[in-house]
Amino acid sequence: MQKTKLKYLHDTDARTADNHIIARYECECGRLVEKTKSRVKNGYTLTCGDRTHAPKPNLTHGRRYTPEYR
């Protein structure tokens, strides 16, 4: 399981339509975001959503289905 890059700051007064608590977090990149507390706690939300946190793609040659590879 990956570690979250969000640091919990405090709960807000807002709730989602299905009554989940929305909390304020600070991402390790410095952005302040509001996310559903249960999704962060359960590991579904790990970052602020900035693409710089995305895992690196598979960096293999990508030629598996070419005639040369076969």
N, C-alpha and C. Protein backbone atom coordinates (compact mmCIF):
# COMPACT_ATOMS: atom_id res chain seq x y z
N MET A 1 0.84 -1.18 0.00
CA MET A 1 0.00 0.00 0.00
C MET A 1 0.89 1.24 0.00
N GLN A 2 0.54 2.19 -0.84
CA GLN A 2 1.33 3.41 -0.92
C GLN A 2 1.00 4.35 0.23
N LYS A 3 1.97 5.15 0.59
CA LYS A 3 1.80 6.11 1.67
C LYS A 3 1.18 7.40 1.11
N THR A 4 0.26 7.97 1.84
CA THR A 4 -0.37 9.22 1.42
C THR A 4 0.62 10.37 1.51
N LYS A 5 0.47 11.31 0.61
CA LYS A 5 1.32 12.50 0.61
C LYS A 5 0.56 13.69 1.19
N LEU A 6 -0.59 13.41 1.82
CA LEU A 6 -1.43 14.45 2.40
C LEU A 6 -1.28 14.48 3.91
N LYS A 7 -1.14 15.69 4.44
CA LYS A 7 -1.03 15.88 5.89
C LYS A 7 -2.35 16.49 6.37
N TYR A 8 -3.00 15.83 7.31
CA TYR A 8 -4.28 16.28 7.84
C TYR A 8 -4.11 17.60 8.60
N LEU A 9 -4.99 18.57 8.32
CA LEU A 9 -4.97 19.85 9.04
C LEU A 9 -6.18 19.96 9.97
N HIS A 10 -7.40 19.92 9.41
CA HIS A 10 -8.61 20.01 10.23
C HIS A 10 -9.83 19.63 9.41
N ASP A 11 -10.93 19.31 10.12
CA ASP A 11 -12.21 19.06 9.45
C ASP A 11 -12.85 20.38 9.06
N THR A 12 -13.63 20.35 8.00
CA THR A 12 -14.41 21.52 7.62
C THR A 12 -15.85 21.27 8.05
N ASP A 13 -16.70 22.27 7.91
CA ASP A 13 -18.11 22.11 8.24
C ASP A 13 -18.88 21.43 7.12
N ALA A 14 -18.27 21.28 5.98
CA ALA A 14 -18.95 20.71 4.80
C ALA A 14 -18.98 19.18 4.86
N ARG A 15 -19.97 18.64 4.18
CA ARG A 15 -20.11 17.19 4.03
C ARG A 15 -20.52 16.89 2.60
N THR A 16 -20.24 15.66 2.17
CA THR A 16 -20.64 15.26 0.82
C THR A 16 -22.13 14.94 0.81
N ALA A 17 -22.66 14.64 -0.37
CA ALA A 17 -24.08 14.31 -0.50
C ALA A 17 -24.45 13.07 0.31
N ASP A 18 -23.50 12.13 0.45
CA ASP A 18 -23.77 10.93 1.24
C ASP A 18 -23.22 11.04 2.67
N ASN A 19 -23.06 12.28 3.13
CA ASN A 19 -22.77 12.63 4.53
C ASN A 19 -21.35 12.27 5.00
N HIS A 20 -20.39 12.22 4.10
CA HIS A 20 -19.01 12.00 4.51
C HIS A 20 -18.37 13.34 4.87
N ILE A 21 -17.48 13.31 5.85
CA ILE A 21 -16.81 14.52 6.33
C ILE A 21 -15.76 14.96 5.31
N ILE A 22 -15.70 16.25 5.06
CA ILE A 22 -14.67 16.81 4.19
C ILE A 22 -13.65 17.50 5.10
N ALA A 23 -12.38 17.17 4.88
CA ALA A 23 -11.31 17.71 5.71
C ALA A 23 -10.33 18.48 4.84
N ARG A 24 -9.55 19.32 5.47
CA ARG A 24 -8.53 20.09 4.77
C ARG A 24 -7.18 19.41 4.99
N TYR A 25 -6.43 19.30 3.88
CA TYR A 25 -5.12 18.64 3.90
C TYR A 25 -4.09 19.53 3.23
N GLU A 26 -2.84 19.31 3.60
CA GLU A 26 -1.73 19.95 2.91
C GLU A 26 -0.92 18.84 2.24
N CYS A 27 -0.76 18.95 0.94
CA CYS A 27 0.02 17.97 0.19
C CYS A 27 1.51 18.27 0.38
N GLU A 28 2.34 17.27 0.18
CA GLU A 28 3.78 17.51 0.34
C GLU A 28 4.33 18.47 -0.71
N CYS A 29 3.56 18.71 -1.79
CA CYS A 29 4.00 19.69 -2.79
C CYS A 29 3.65 21.12 -2.36
N GLY A 30 2.89 21.27 -1.25
CA GLY A 30 2.58 22.58 -0.71
C GLY A 30 1.15 23.05 -0.95
N ARG A 31 0.40 22.35 -1.80
CA ARG A 31 -0.98 22.75 -2.08
C ARG A 31 -1.90 22.40 -0.93
N LEU A 32 -2.87 23.27 -0.65
CA LEU A 32 -3.91 23.01 0.33
C LEU A 32 -5.14 22.52 -0.43
N VAL A 33 -5.69 21.39 -0.01
CA VAL A 33 -6.84 20.80 -0.69
C VAL A 33 -7.85 20.32 0.33
N GLU A 34 -9.10 20.22 -0.12
CA GLU A 34 -10.16 19.65 0.69
C GLU A 34 -10.58 18.34 0.05
N LYS A 35 -10.48 17.27 0.83
CA LYS A 35 -10.78 15.92 0.34
C LYS A 35 -11.68 15.23 1.35
N THR A 36 -12.38 14.19 0.88
CA THR A 36 -13.21 13.39 1.76
C THR A 36 -12.32 12.61 2.72
N LYS A 37 -12.56 12.80 4.00
CA LYS A 37 -11.70 12.23 5.03
C LYS A 37 -11.62 10.71 4.95
N SER A 38 -12.74 10.05 4.69
CA SER A 38 -12.75 8.59 4.65
C SER A 38 -11.95 8.05 3.47
N ARG A 39 -11.95 8.75 2.34
CA ARG A 39 -11.19 8.29 1.17
C ARG A 39 -9.68 8.40 1.41
N VAL A 40 -9.26 9.42 2.14
CA VAL A 40 -7.84 9.56 2.46
C VAL A 40 -7.45 8.49 3.48
N LYS A 41 -8.28 8.31 4.48
CA LYS A 41 -8.00 7.33 5.54
C LYS A 41 -7.91 5.91 4.99
N ASN A 42 -8.77 5.58 4.03
CA ASN A 42 -8.78 4.23 3.46
C ASN A 42 -7.77 4.03 2.35
N GLY A 43 -7.08 5.10 1.94
CA GLY A 43 -6.03 4.98 0.95
C GLY A 43 -6.47 5.16 -0.49
N TYR A 44 -7.72 5.54 -0.73
CA TYR A 44 -8.19 5.77 -2.09
C TYR A 44 -7.66 7.07 -2.67
N THR A 45 -7.45 8.05 -1.81
CA THR A 45 -6.90 9.34 -2.23
C THR A 45 -5.54 9.48 -1.56
N LEU A 46 -4.49 9.63 -2.38
CA LEU A 46 -3.13 9.69 -1.83
C LEU A 46 -2.48 11.05 -1.99
N THR A 47 -2.93 11.84 -3.00
CA THR A 47 -2.27 13.12 -3.29
C THR A 47 -3.32 14.19 -3.54
N CYS A 48 -2.83 15.39 -3.83
CA CYS A 48 -3.71 16.52 -4.11
C CYS A 48 -4.34 16.42 -5.50
N GLY A 49 -3.85 15.54 -6.34
CA GLY A 49 -4.38 15.39 -7.69
C GLY A 49 -3.45 15.95 -8.75
N ASP A 50 -2.37 16.55 -8.32
CA ASP A 50 -1.37 17.08 -9.25
C ASP A 50 -0.68 15.92 -9.94
N ARG A 51 -0.49 16.00 -11.24
CA ARG A 51 0.09 14.90 -12.02
C ARG A 51 1.55 14.62 -11.69
N THR A 52 2.23 15.52 -11.01
CA THR A 52 3.64 15.28 -10.70
C THR A 52 3.81 14.15 -9.70
N HIS A 53 2.74 13.76 -9.01
CA HIS A 53 2.80 12.67 -8.04
C HIS A 53 2.51 11.32 -8.66
N ALA A 54 2.11 11.29 -9.93
CA ALA A 54 1.73 10.04 -10.58
C ALA A 54 2.93 9.10 -10.67
N PRO A 55 2.68 7.80 -10.52
CA PRO A 55 3.81 6.87 -10.66
C PRO A 55 4.36 6.88 -12.08
N LYS A 56 5.61 6.56 -12.20
CA LYS A 56 6.23 6.54 -13.52
C LYS A 56 5.66 5.40 -14.35
N PRO A 57 5.48 5.62 -15.64
CA PRO A 57 4.95 4.56 -16.50
C PRO A 57 5.96 3.44 -16.69
N ASN A 58 5.48 2.32 -17.18
CA ASN A 58 6.37 1.20 -17.48
C ASN A 58 7.33 1.64 -18.58
N LEU A 59 8.60 1.57 -18.34
CA LEU A 59 9.58 2.09 -19.28
C LEU A 59 10.28 0.99 -20.08
N THR A 60 9.57 -0.11 -20.37
CA THR A 60 10.15 -1.14 -21.22
C THR A 60 10.12 -0.67 -22.66
N HIS A 61 10.66 -1.47 -23.54
CA HIS A 61 10.84 -1.06 -24.93
C HIS A 61 9.54 -0.85 -25.69
N GLY A 62 8.44 -1.51 -25.32
CA GLY A 62 7.15 -1.31 -25.98
C GLY A 62 7.05 -1.93 -27.36
N ARG A 63 7.93 -2.87 -27.67
CA ARG A 63 7.95 -3.49 -29.01
C ARG A 63 7.50 -4.94 -28.98
N ARG A 64 6.73 -5.31 -28.01
CA ARG A 64 6.35 -6.70 -27.82
C ARG A 64 5.63 -7.31 -29.03
N TYR A 65 4.78 -6.56 -29.68
CA TYR A 65 3.97 -7.12 -30.76
C TYR A 65 4.50 -6.78 -32.16
N THR A 66 5.74 -6.41 -32.27
CA THR A 66 6.33 -6.11 -33.57
C THR A 66 6.96 -7.38 -34.15
N PRO A 67 7.10 -7.46 -35.48
CA PRO A 67 7.72 -8.63 -36.09
C PRO A 67 9.15 -8.87 -35.59
N GLU A 68 9.89 -7.82 -35.35
CA GLU A 68 11.27 -7.97 -34.88
C GLU A 68 11.34 -8.66 -33.51
N TYR A 69 10.39 -8.36 -32.67
CA TYR A 69 10.41 -8.93 -31.32
C TYR A 69 10.05 -10.42 -31.37
N ARG A 70 9.08 -10.79 -32.24
CA ARG A 70 8.67 -12.19 -32.35
C ARG A 70 9.79 -13.01 -32.93
